[in-house]
Amino acid sequence: MNIVFMGTPDFAVPCLQALIDSNENVQAVFTQPDKPKGRGYKLTPPPVKELALTHNIPVYQPVSLKNGEDAENTMKILEELSPDLIIVVAYGKILPKAILDLPKYCINVHASLLPKYRGAGPIQWSVLNGEKVTGVTTMLMAEGLDTGDMLLSKSVEIGENETASELHDRLSVLGAEVMLETIQAVKNNTLTPVKQDDSLSCYAPMLTKDMCAIDFSKSAQEVHNHIRGLSSFPGAMTMLNGKRLKVYKSVCTNETFDNISSGTVVNADNFTVVCGDGKCVKFIEVQAEGSKRMNTADYLRGKSIEKGTVLK
């Protein structure tokens, strides 16, 4: 079976690696253009490109799939390859109908239990919203945003203190498993597509930096979900003595404090903060402005915080 793979970030790497390990005929990889990163803004290739080049798989990085010379060249390349199957995993571009119609199957690997959490940020939003279960779904691609018929899915429980970045890593591995099972079903001609119930759908947009500020007037559980949902990007943030403090990990405690303003540090020895419902969160991993990310215990060894300090 001739396969074209389309994907970009770390999440897509296990899927491409699984195809390679299974000796599938990956004809080519399409991924996003290299982007400047770091302090020196050095052009950096996407993780999928790095893996593909390691295995001598041709890589294409069109800027656009819809307009201009790039789009025309992409169609010519795909028509010449004539793949039986296109697999899309977090590519970051919407495929036009001409590409969707080219192979017999165009299959997407999506990190949610569809129809819930369609969109670019399904992992983060499942954590932000306090979901207990999520998973991975493969689907036939359609012109809408993650609206195609569902094929196979697998679910996992979300840990009480699991961050979005930790869940991301687990789901990327699960995605490869579901993808391989889906490919086997294609080969066996046993696929049974199921239409999505649009009434059960919800949208998971990409996270933005204006979401970072922690609102301690919310319940401790909501604050905890906010911290772990935004870890590692863009990172939940509060202000301590006029300087930014990022919080990457936390836990909810069993303590309750009445008549204390939300955002108040009630235990300076372990950085416990009271929230809007009187319950508390304890910071586990933080990053002070101009410093590196570290365990709270290490942070407190170098910087004392007064009990009663109010985080803004």
Foldseek 3Di string as FASTA:
>chain_A
DEEEEAAFAPLQVLQVVLCVVVVHHHQAYEAAAFWQDDPVRDGDGTPNVVVCVVVPHHYDHQNDCPDDPSVVVVLVVCLVSQGQEYEYEHRPYQHDPSVLPRHVFYKYKAWWDPPEAFEDQSLLVCLLVPPQKTWIWMFTDDNDGPQGFTWDIDMDTADLFAASVNVSVVRSNRSNVRVVVRVVCVVVVNTDTHGGDVVPYDYDYDDDPVLQEQAQLDAQSNSSSSQRSCPPPPFHWWAFPRWIKGFNTKHWDPDFDPPADFQFQQDQQFRWTAGNRRTIITGQWMATVPGDIDGSNVVCVVPTDDGGGGID
